[in-house]
Each structure stands twice: as C-alpha cells, then as structure tokens.
Amino acid sequence: MNSRPSRRSLLLVAVAAVAVLSCTLLAVGLWRESGESGTAPSAPSVTTPAGPETPAGGTTGPGTATPSGGDRHDAGHGPVAALGRSAPAKVNIPAIGVASRLEELGLDGDGVMETPNDPDLAGWYTPGPAPGQRGPAVIAGHVTWNGDRSVFHRLAELTAGDTVTVDREDGTTATFTVDRVEQYPKDEFPTVDVYRDLDHAGLRLITCAGDYSAADRRYADNIVVYATLSHTG
C-alpha cells in the first residue's frame, strides 16, 4: 500500500495551516496600544473590579457569563437568520454607554490587523464578515490612549444578556445578545474560538486588558466579548 499522503491531503493541511496563521496575525493587531505613554493605567478586568464605574453591589467576573466554550447557539438558543453583507456604520452598547461610528480596519504591511486611528472610535475588520452576516464579525477598539480612557474602556463590564446593536449602511439594524465575556493572556489568545467559522451570525468585540508594560508598550491581556445575532430590523 502506498503510504505517501495524497496531493489532496497535503493541500488540506496547507490550507488549515494558512488559516491558523491568518488568525494568529489578526489576534496580534490589538496586542499593543501604540499610543500609550509609560503612565497608562491598568485596564479593567473581568476578574477584578473595574473601578469607580463598576455597577454597585458586585464586580464583573466569570460568574456573570455563560460557561466558557459555548455560545448562545451551542447552548440551544437558536439565533435568527443571518443578513446579507452590508458595511456597518455605528455600534451601540447601552450597558456601557458606547455609541461609536466605525472605522474600517484591514491588515497592515506586516499582516497584522490595524487598530482604529481615533481612540474614541471602534473599528470593523473589513476582510471578515459584516455584523449580521453569517460568521464571526470583529469590532475592535482601544481601552486607553495616552493615559486617557478610550471607546472600549468599559468593555469588561459587559455580562451575558447585554445587547449590542449595529446600524448598517443598508438601513438595517443587527441586534446581538452577549453570550460570554472572557479575558485571556495575550500569548494564549484563542484564535480558533474567536475566528472559527460559524453557522450563524456572531460578533466579537475585542480590546486590551490587564496590566500595562511601559517597556513593551502593551497590555498583558485581551478582553473578548462573544455575542450572537438575536434580532434584525
């Protein structure tokens, strides 16, 4: 029997490797807060109090989210039908007071996801799905900039059941329900969970978190909010 792998098998392995590499490069995009000074404050965490803006009576932590590893669809709550592709214009997150127009983010010359130029604006990763379209749409934003709070400073305060709405250029609004909020060390960023293909419309909100290193000019962790499309209009 010929034990050599077939050309098709080798091709599939190569494609899978490229996909993983691409995801890794995307994840690196928010590893550094390039506008930060050496006095940047620690970013809010899902495992520690978020500071004076933390809701009274408790902190945001693992107990406020659904179990890690499952989203709303996996848990048996069927999401609504996905929409066609249309660029997003604005993201609204009422629970943390975010109402932001969206910049367009691509890849820089090193193959790393760009970050928003304006620290007060979030950005949509344009090579990926549009919010409301099938797949994991990605919206990223800075947590701080030169020591000041930025658009996603309070992202870690979100909990399961909170809503995120995205106004799209075709006039529709995609409403997502938060499934879980996770915090990861940057060298353990869950590229597969964040960027894997979905059979429904999902949303990933990403920012930095944890302690800030002036020497490396980056935060130690990332916050990832996982959400599922729950209404369109």
C-alpha atoms as a PDB file:
ATOM      1  CA  MET A   1       0.000   0.000   0.000  1.00  0.00           C
ATOM      2  CA  ASN A   2       1.266   3.476  -0.828  1.00  0.00           C
ATOM      3  CA  SER A   3       1.714   5.261   2.496  1.00  0.00           C
ATOM      4  CA  ARG A   4       2.592   8.615   0.935  1.00  0.00           C
ATOM      5  CA  PRO A   5      -0.046  11.302   1.591  1.00  0.00           C
ATOM      6  CA  SER A   6      -2.166  12.259  -1.385  1.00  0.00           C
ATOM      7  CA  ARG A   7      -1.877  15.643  -3.047  1.00  0.00           C
ATOM      8  CA  ARG A   8      -5.383  16.486  -1.763  1.00  0.00           C
ATOM      9  CA  SER A   9      -4.402  15.659   1.825  1.00  0.00           C
ATOM     10  CA  LEU A  10      -1.321  17.849   1.619  1.00  0.00           C
ATOM     11  CA  LEU A  11      -3.404  20.681   0.189  1.00  0.00           C
ATOM     12  CA  LEU A  12      -5.923  20.462   3.018  1.00  0.00           C
ATOM     13  CA  VAL A  13      -3.151  20.546   5.605  1.00  0.00           C
ATOM     14  CA  ALA A  14      -1.608  23.575   3.929  1.00  0.00           C
ATOM     15  CA  VAL A  15      -4.924  25.424   3.827  1.00  0.00           C
ATOM     16  CA  ALA A  16      -5.524  24.693   7.512  1.00  0.00           C
ATOM     17  CA  ALA A  17      -2.063  25.961   8.412  1.00  0.00           C
ATOM     18  CA  VAL A  18      -2.603  29.195   6.499  1.00  0.00           C
ATOM     19  CA  ALA A  19      -5.950  29.706   8.234  1.00  0.00           C
ATOM     20  CA  VAL A  20      -4.408  29.299  11.674  1.00  0.00           C
ATOM     21  CA  LEU A  21      -1.553  31.651  10.770  1.00  0.00           C
ATOM     22  CA  SER A  22      -4.006  34.251   9.490  1.00  0.00           C
ATOM     23  CA  CYS A  23      -5.995  34.062  12.723  1.00  0.00           C
ATOM     24  CA  THR A  24      -2.815  34.479  14.731  1.00  0.00           C
ATOM     25  CA  LEU A  25      -1.867  37.602  12.796  1.00  0.00           C
ATOM     26  CA  LEU A  26      -5.322  39.058  13.333  1.00  0.00           C
ATOM     27  CA  ALA A  27      -5.087  38.449  17.048  1.00  0.00           C
ATOM     28  CA  VAL A  28      -1.783  40.310  17.257  1.00  0.00           C
ATOM     29  CA  GLY A  29      -3.406  43.506  15.999  1.00  0.00           C
ATOM     30  CA  LEU A  30      -4.599  44.666  19.421  1.00  0.00           C
ATOM     31  CA  TRP A  31      -1.635  43.379  21.388  1.00  0.00           C
ATOM     32  CA  ARG A  32      -0.080  46.808  21.512  1.00  0.00           C
ATOM     33  CA  GLU A  33      -1.654  50.109  22.429  1.00  0.00           C
ATOM     34  CA  SER A  34       0.763  52.106  20.304  1.00  0.00           C
ATOM     35  CA  GLY A  35      -0.417  55.479  21.551  1.00  0.00           C
ATOM     36  CA  GLU A  36       0.212  54.683  25.188  1.00  0.00           C
ATOM     37  CA  SER A  37       2.628  56.517  27.384  1.00  0.00           C
ATOM     38  CA  GLY A  38       4.588  54.924  30.201  1.00  0.00           C
ATOM     39  CA  THR A  39       1.913  56.004  32.685  1.00  0.00           C
ATOM     40  CA  ALA A  40      -1.037  54.186  31.130  1.00  0.00           C
ATOM     41  CA  PRO A  41      -3.461  52.916  33.774  1.00  0.00           C
ATOM     42  CA  SER A  42      -4.293  49.284  34.267  1.00  0.00           C
ATOM     43  CA  ALA A  43      -7.222  48.283  32.111  1.00  0.00           C
ATOM     44  CA  PRO A  44     -10.443  46.894  33.588  1.00  0.00           C
ATOM     45  CA  SER A  45     -10.582  43.137  34.025  1.00  0.00           C
ATOM     46  CA  VAL A  46     -13.383  40.587  34.036  1.00  0.00           C
ATOM     47  CA  THR A  47     -11.864  39.057  37.165  1.00  0.00           C
ATOM     48  CA  THR A  48     -11.227  42.217  39.201  1.00  0.00           C
ATOM     49  CA  PRO A  49     -13.249  45.347  39.990  1.00  0.00           C
ATOM     50  CA  ALA A  50     -13.451  47.765  37.061  1.00  0.00           C
ATOM     51  CA  GLY A  51     -13.004  50.879  39.214  1.00  0.00           C
ATOM     52  CA  PRO A  52     -15.482  53.622  40.021  1.00  0.00           C
ATOM     53  CA  GLU A  53     -17.669  52.703  37.049  1.00  0.00           C
ATOM     54  CA  THR A  54     -18.274  49.162  38.315  1.00  0.00           C
ATOM     55  CA  PRO A  55     -22.006  48.635  38.990  1.00  0.00           C
ATOM     56  CA  ALA A  56     -22.855  48.837  42.668  1.00  0.00           C
ATOM     57  CA  GLY A  57     -23.193  45.582  44.501  1.00  0.00           C
ATOM     58  CA  GLY A  58     -20.729  43.453  42.567  1.00  0.00           C
ATOM     59  CA  THR A  59     -17.975  43.098  40.041  1.00  0.00           C
ATOM     60  CA  THR A  60     -17.830  41.644  36.588  1.00  0.00           C
ATOM     61  CA  GLY A  61     -16.404  38.143  36.648  1.00  0.00           C
ATOM     62  CA  PRO A  62     -16.723  34.617  35.324  1.00  0.00           C
ATOM     63  CA  GLY A  63     -19.907  34.074  37.315  1.00  0.00           C
ATOM     64  CA  THR A  64     -21.724  36.668  35.247  1.00  0.00           C
ATOM     65  CA  ALA A  65     -21.159  34.955  31.903  1.00  0.00           C
ATOM     66  CA  THR A  66     -22.228  31.692  30.355  1.00  0.00           C
ATOM     67  CA  PRO A  67     -19.757  28.803  30.672  1.00  0.00           C
ATOM     68  CA  SER A  68     -16.601  29.166  28.612  1.00  0.00           C
ATOM     69  CA  GLY A  69     -16.575  27.263  25.358  1.00  0.00           C
ATOM     70  CA  GLY A  70     -20.261  27.625  24.464  1.00  0.00           C
ATOM     71  CA  ASP A  71     -22.136  30.434  22.792  1.00  0.00           C
ATOM     72  CA  ARG A  72     -25.818  31.121  22.529  1.00  0.00           C
ATOM     73  CA  HIS A  73     -26.212  28.873  19.513  1.00  0.00           C
ATOM     74  CA  ASP A  74     -24.283  25.990  21.057  1.00  0.00           C
ATOM     75  CA  ALA A  75     -26.357  26.289  24.223  1.00  0.00           C
ATOM     76  CA  GLY A  76     -29.540  25.556  22.293  1.00  0.00           C
ATOM     77  CA  HIS A  77     -30.864  29.094  21.880  1.00  0.00           C
ATOM     78  CA  GLY A  78     -31.368  29.315  18.131  1.00  0.00           C
ATOM     79  CA  PRO A  79     -30.113  32.575  16.618  1.00  0.00           C
ATOM     80  CA  VAL A  80     -32.115  34.437  13.991  1.00  0.00           C
ATOM     81  CA  ALA A  81     -31.393  34.143  10.281  1.00  0.00           C
ATOM     82  CA  ALA A  82     -28.277  35.933   9.127  1.00  0.00           C
ATOM     83  CA  LEU A  83     -28.429  39.004   6.913  1.00  0.00           C
ATOM     84  CA  GLY A  84     -26.625  39.704   3.666  1.00  0.00           C
ATOM     85  CA  ARG A  85     -23.387  41.653   3.611  1.00  0.00           C
ATOM     86  CA  SER A  86     -23.606  45.380   4.326  1.00  0.00           C
ATOM     87  CA  ALA A  87     -20.953  47.558   5.916  1.00  0.00           C
ATOM     88  CA  PRO A  88     -21.660  48.651   9.485  1.00  0.00           C
ATOM     89  CA  ALA A  89     -21.907  52.357  10.256  1.00  0.00           C
ATOM     90  CA  LYS A  90     -22.292  52.547  14.028  1.00  0.00           C
ATOM     91  CA  VAL A  91     -22.105  50.314  17.102  1.00  0.00           C
ATOM     92  CA  ASN A  92     -24.175  50.955  20.226  1.00  0.00           C
ATOM     93  CA  ILE A  93     -23.621  49.238  23.584  1.00  0.00           C
ATOM     94  CA  PRO A  94     -26.134  50.768  26.024  1.00  0.00           C
ATOM     95  CA  ALA A  95     -24.888  48.928  29.129  1.00  0.00           C
ATOM     96  CA  ILE A  96     -21.520  50.710  28.980  1.00  0.00           C
ATOM     97  CA  GLY A  97     -22.530  53.927  27.262  1.00  0.00           C
ATOM     98  CA  VAL A  98     -20.858  53.286  23.899  1.00  0.00           C
ATOM     99  CA  ALA A  99     -22.235  54.892  20.730  1.00  0.00           C
ATOM    100  CA  SER A 100     -19.472  54.921  18.147  1.00  0.00           C
ATOM    101  CA  ARG A 101     -19.131  55.355  14.430  1.00  0.00           C
ATOM    102  CA  LEU A 102     -16.931  52.673  12.941  1.00  0.00           C
ATOM    103  CA  GLU A 103     -13.610  52.992  11.204  1.00  0.00           C
ATOM    104  CA  GLU A 104     -12.608  50.389   8.642  1.00  0.00           C
ATOM    105  CA  LEU A 105      -9.735  48.133   9.701  1.00  0.00           C
ATOM    106  CA  GLY A 106      -7.648  46.000   7.397  1.00  0.00           C
ATOM    107  CA  LEU A 107      -4.195  44.434   7.591  1.00  0.00           C
ATOM    108  CA  ASP A 108      -1.013  46.452   7.791  1.00  0.00           C
ATOM    109  CA  GLY A 109       2.197  45.731   5.877  1.00  0.00           C
ATOM    110  CA  ASP A 110       3.161  43.040   8.383  1.00  0.00           C
ATOM    111  CA  GLY A 111      -0.143  41.203   8.005  1.00  0.00           C
ATOM    112  CA  VAL A 112      -1.376  42.419  11.398  1.00  0.00           C
ATOM    113  CA  MET A 113      -4.875  43.737  11.951  1.00  0.00           C
ATOM    114  CA  GLU A 114      -4.934  47.521  12.071  1.00  0.00           C
ATOM    115  CA  THR A 115      -6.287  49.369  15.084  1.00  0.00           C
ATOM    116  CA  PRO A 116      -8.524  52.465  14.987  1.00  0.00           C
ATOM    117  CA  ASN A 117      -6.770  55.771  14.328  1.00  0.00           C
ATOM    118  CA  ASP A 118      -9.213  57.613  16.570  1.00  0.00           C
ATOM    119  CA  PRO A 119      -9.133  56.295  20.157  1.00  0.00           C
ATOM    120  CA  ASP A 120     -12.757  57.398  20.598  1.00  0.00           C
ATOM    121  CA  LEU A 121     -13.958  55.223  17.721  1.00  0.00           C
ATOM    122  CA  ALA A 122     -14.239  51.461  17.337  1.00  0.00           C
ATOM    123  CA  GLY A 123     -13.323  49.753  14.074  1.00  0.00           C
ATOM    124  CA  TRP A 124     -14.724  46.930  11.961  1.00  0.00           C
ATOM    125  CA  TYR A 125     -12.335  44.351  10.480  1.00  0.00           C
ATOM    126  CA  THR A 126     -13.385  44.597   6.832  1.00  0.00           C
ATOM    127  CA  PRO A 127     -11.890  41.361   5.402  1.00  0.00           C
ATOM    128  CA  GLY A 128     -14.130  39.404   7.785  1.00  0.00           C
ATOM    129  CA  PRO A 129     -17.930  39.090   7.847  1.00  0.00           C
ATOM    130  CA  ALA A 130     -20.056  42.186   8.313  1.00  0.00           C
ATOM    131  CA  PRO A 131     -22.050  42.337  11.564  1.00  0.00           C
ATOM    132  CA  GLY A 132     -25.276  40.454  10.879  1.00  0.00           C
ATOM    133  CA  GLN A 133     -23.704  38.341   8.159  1.00  0.00           C
ATOM    134  CA  ARG A 134     -23.007  34.674   8.817  1.00  0.00           C
ATOM    135  CA  GLY A 135     -19.687  34.219  10.591  1.00  0.00           C
ATOM    136  CA  PRO A 136     -17.681  35.956  13.316  1.00  0.00           C
ATOM    137  CA  ALA A 137     -17.739  39.712  12.650  1.00  0.00           C
ATOM    138  CA  VAL A 138     -14.978  41.520  14.556  1.00  0.00           C
ATOM    139  CA  ILE A 139     -15.146  45.017  16.054  1.00  0.00           C
ATOM    140  CA  ALA A 140     -12.088  46.259  17.922  1.00  0.00           C
ATOM    141  CA  GLY A 141     -11.312  49.328  19.961  1.00  0.00           C
ATOM    142  CA  HIS A 142      -8.686  50.809  22.270  1.00  0.00           C
ATOM    143  CA  VAL A 143      -9.081  50.612  26.032  1.00  0.00           C
ATOM    144  CA  THR A 144      -6.886  53.656  26.773  1.00  0.00           C
ATOM    145  CA  TRP A 145      -4.783  56.101  24.778  1.00  0.00           C
ATOM    146  CA  ASN A 146      -2.000  58.252  26.209  1.00  0.00           C
ATOM    147  CA  GLY A 147      -3.344  57.637  29.683  1.00  0.00           C
ATOM    148  CA  ASP A 148      -6.947  58.579  28.859  1.00  0.00           C
ATOM    149  CA  ARG A 149      -9.906  56.234  28.643  1.00  0.00           C
ATOM    150  CA  SER A 150     -10.897  55.154  25.130  1.00  0.00           C
ATOM    151  CA  VAL A 151     -14.024  53.821  23.472  1.00  0.00           C
ATOM    152  CA  PHE A 152     -13.819  50.257  24.868  1.00  0.00           C
ATOM    153  CA  HIS A 153     -12.544  51.147  28.333  1.00  0.00           C
ATOM    154  CA  ARG A 154     -15.605  49.590  29.989  1.00  0.00           C
ATOM    155  CA  LEU A 155     -15.913  46.556  27.690  1.00  0.00           C
ATOM    156  CA  ALA A 156     -15.046  44.166  30.530  1.00  0.00           C
ATOM    157  CA  GLU A 157     -18.205  45.265  32.380  1.00  0.00           C
ATOM    158  CA  LEU A 158     -20.490  43.580  29.861  1.00  0.00           C
ATOM    159  CA  THR A 159     -22.286  40.454  31.017  1.00  0.00           C
ATOM    160  CA  ALA A 160     -24.329  37.700  29.397  1.00  0.00           C
ATOM    161  CA  GLY A 161     -27.682  39.051  28.235  1.00  0.00           C
ATOM    162  CA  ASP A 162     -26.488  42.584  27.459  1.00  0.00           C
ATOM    163  CA  THR A 163     -27.252  43.806  23.953  1.00  0.00           C
ATOM    164  CA  VAL A 164     -25.097  45.295  21.208  1.00  0.00           C
ATOM    165  CA  THR A 165     -26.714  46.933  18.192  1.00  0.00           C
ATOM    166  CA  VAL A 166     -25.013  47.667  14.894  1.00  0.00           C
ATOM    167  CA  ASP A 167     -26.560  50.103  12.411  1.00  0.00           C
ATOM    168  CA  ARG A 168     -25.731  49.027   8.873  1.00  0.00           C
ATOM    169  CA  GLU A 169     -25.430  51.047   5.694  1.00  0.00           C
ATOM    170  CA  ASP A 170     -28.347  49.186   4.080  1.00  0.00           C
ATOM    171  CA  GLY A 171     -30.657  50.689   6.707  1.00  0.00           C
ATOM    172  CA  THR A 172     -30.996  47.545   8.824  1.00  0.00           C
ATOM    173  CA  THR A 173     -30.028  47.200  12.472  1.00  0.00           C
ATOM    174  CA  ALA A 174     -28.476  43.982  13.762  1.00  0.00           C
ATOM    175  CA  THR A 175     -29.010  43.327  17.456  1.00  0.00           C
ATOM    176  CA  PHE A 176     -26.686  40.912  19.222  1.00  0.00           C
ATOM    177  CA  THR A 177     -27.017  39.351  22.660  1.00  0.00           C
ATOM    178  CA  VAL A 178     -23.843  38.839  24.685  1.00  0.00           C
ATOM    179  CA  ASP A 179     -23.154  35.180  25.407  1.00  0.00           C
ATOM    180  CA  ARG A 180     -19.987  35.481  27.461  1.00  0.00           C
ATOM    181  CA  VAL A 181     -17.066  37.748  28.262  1.00  0.00           C
ATOM    182  CA  GLU A 182     -13.595  36.284  28.555  1.00  0.00           C
ATOM    183  CA  GLN A 183     -10.123  37.558  29.438  1.00  0.00           C
ATOM    184  CA  TYR A 184      -7.014  35.900  28.032  1.00  0.00           C
ATOM    185  CA  PRO A 185      -3.251  36.402  28.347  1.00  0.00           C
ATOM    186  CA  LYS A 186      -2.030  37.686  25.001  1.00  0.00           C
ATOM    187  CA  ASP A 187       0.172  34.665  24.417  1.00  0.00           C
ATOM    188  CA  GLU A 188      -2.888  32.436  24.914  1.00  0.00           C
ATOM    189  CA  PHE A 189      -5.251  34.335  22.616  1.00  0.00           C
ATOM    190  CA  PRO A 190      -7.985  31.856  21.491  1.00  0.00           C
ATOM    191  CA  THR A 191      -7.691  32.354  17.746  1.00  0.00           C
ATOM    192  CA  VAL A 192      -9.864  29.330  16.935  1.00  0.00           C
ATOM    193  CA  ASP A 193     -12.724  30.377  19.236  1.00  0.00           C
ATOM    194  CA  VAL A 194     -12.651  33.968  18.017  1.00  0.00           C
ATOM    195  CA  TYR A 195     -12.255  33.482  14.276  1.00  0.00           C
ATOM    196  CA  ARG A 196     -13.605  29.994  13.568  1.00  0.00           C
ATOM    197  CA  ASP A 197     -16.379  29.625  11.010  1.00  0.00           C
ATOM    198  CA  LEU A 198     -19.928  29.764  12.366  1.00  0.00           C
ATOM    199  CA  ASP A 199     -23.272  28.504  11.090  1.00  0.00           C
ATOM    200  CA  HIS A 200     -24.905  31.747  12.304  1.00  0.00           C
ATOM    201  CA  ALA A 201     -24.135  35.442  12.648  1.00  0.00           C
ATOM    202  CA  GLY A 202     -21.786  36.159  15.545  1.00  0.00           C
ATOM    203  CA  LEU A 203     -19.973  39.210  16.854  1.00  0.00           C
ATOM    204  CA  ARG A 204     -16.627  39.549  18.618  1.00  0.00           C
ATOM    205  CA  LEU A 205     -15.727  42.724  20.472  1.00  0.00           C
ATOM    206  CA  ILE A 206     -12.024  42.938  21.333  1.00  0.00           C
ATOM    207  CA  THR A 207      -9.860  45.247  23.396  1.00  0.00           C
ATOM    208  CA  CYS A 208      -6.857  45.115  25.705  1.00  0.00           C
ATOM    209  CA  ALA A 209      -6.914  44.430  29.436  1.00  0.00           C
ATOM    210  CA  GLY A 210      -4.786  43.777  32.497  1.00  0.00           C
ATOM    211  CA  ASP A 211      -1.509  45.385  33.494  1.00  0.00           C
ATOM    212  CA  TYR A 212       0.334  47.720  31.158  1.00  0.00           C
ATOM    213  CA  SER A 213       4.047  47.297  30.430  1.00  0.00           C
ATOM    214  CA  ALA A 214       5.780  50.570  29.597  1.00  0.00           C
ATOM    215  CA  ALA A 215       8.821  48.674  28.323  1.00  0.00           C
ATOM    216  CA  ASP A 216       6.786  46.613  25.844  1.00  0.00           C
ATOM    217  CA  ARG A 217       4.138  49.310  25.316  1.00  0.00           C
ATOM    218  CA  ARG A 218       1.357  46.794  25.599  1.00  0.00           C
ATOM    219  CA  TYR A 219      -1.210  45.382  27.969  1.00  0.00           C
ATOM    220  CA  ALA A 220      -0.878  41.870  29.326  1.00  0.00           C
ATOM    221  CA  ASP A 221      -4.285  40.551  28.293  1.00  0.00           C
ATOM    222  CA  ASN A 222      -7.177  40.815  25.875  1.00  0.00           C
ATOM    223  CA  ILE A 223     -10.901  41.027  26.558  1.00  0.00           C
ATOM    224  CA  VAL A 224     -13.135  39.199  24.083  1.00  0.00           C
ATOM    225  CA  VAL A 225     -16.908  39.592  24.120  1.00  0.00           C
ATOM    226  CA  TYR A 226     -18.782  36.815  22.304  1.00  0.00           C
ATOM    227  CA  ALA A 227     -22.287  37.640  21.045  1.00  0.00           C
ATOM    228  CA  THR A 228     -24.917  36.147  18.762  1.00  0.00           C
ATOM    229  CA  LEU A 229     -27.390  37.846  16.424  1.00  0.00           C
ATOM    230  CA  SER A 230     -30.756  37.854  18.177  1.00  0.00           C
ATOM    231  CA  HIS A 231     -32.864  40.375  16.249  1.00  0.00           C
ATOM    232  CA  THR A 232     -32.878  42.282  12.971  1.00  0.00           C
ATOM    233  CA  GLY A 233     -34.889  45.287  11.934  1.00  0.00           C
END
